[in-house]
Amino acid sequence: MPHDLYYRVLTHLQTCLPNIELHSHISLSLSLTRIPLLSQTTFFDHVIIDQERYTASSRAVSAAGALVAMHTSSHGGYWVGELHDIFVINQPAFGIQHFGWMCWFQHIEFDTSNYLGSIVAFYMVLSANIY
């Protein structure tokens, strides 16, 4: 697992599983109760959720199949992002954990009169999260 992804997962698990004292596998633990997060991970090309196939952009020829629109409110709000990786971690301390590494985009509206074509909006990376 790449280092940046490893530390995002470690931080996420430390937040979501506070009763398990996880630490980085490269750091020394002064406590016998602390458990190192192993970097052994299984990556997948795609996942099927509710009969919809989502492809990880890191494994796809194009990122088109990796774009995800998530409904966020009853007023019709959506967040759009790129599903970068799909992976599973399995350790005895916490069992099987399924993850998707999302890079969320933020909608930006601006005056397109100075630009050629019919570009009406761009998206920029807002954040990258582990779910």
Foldseek 3Di string as FASTA:
>chain_A
DDPVVVVQVQVVCCVVPVVQQEDDPVDDDPDPRYDYQDPDKDWDQWDADPNQIAGACCNDPHQPSQWDWDQDDPVRDTKIWGFHTWIWGADPVPGIDTKTWIFIWDWDADDCPVPPDDDGIDTDGDGIHID
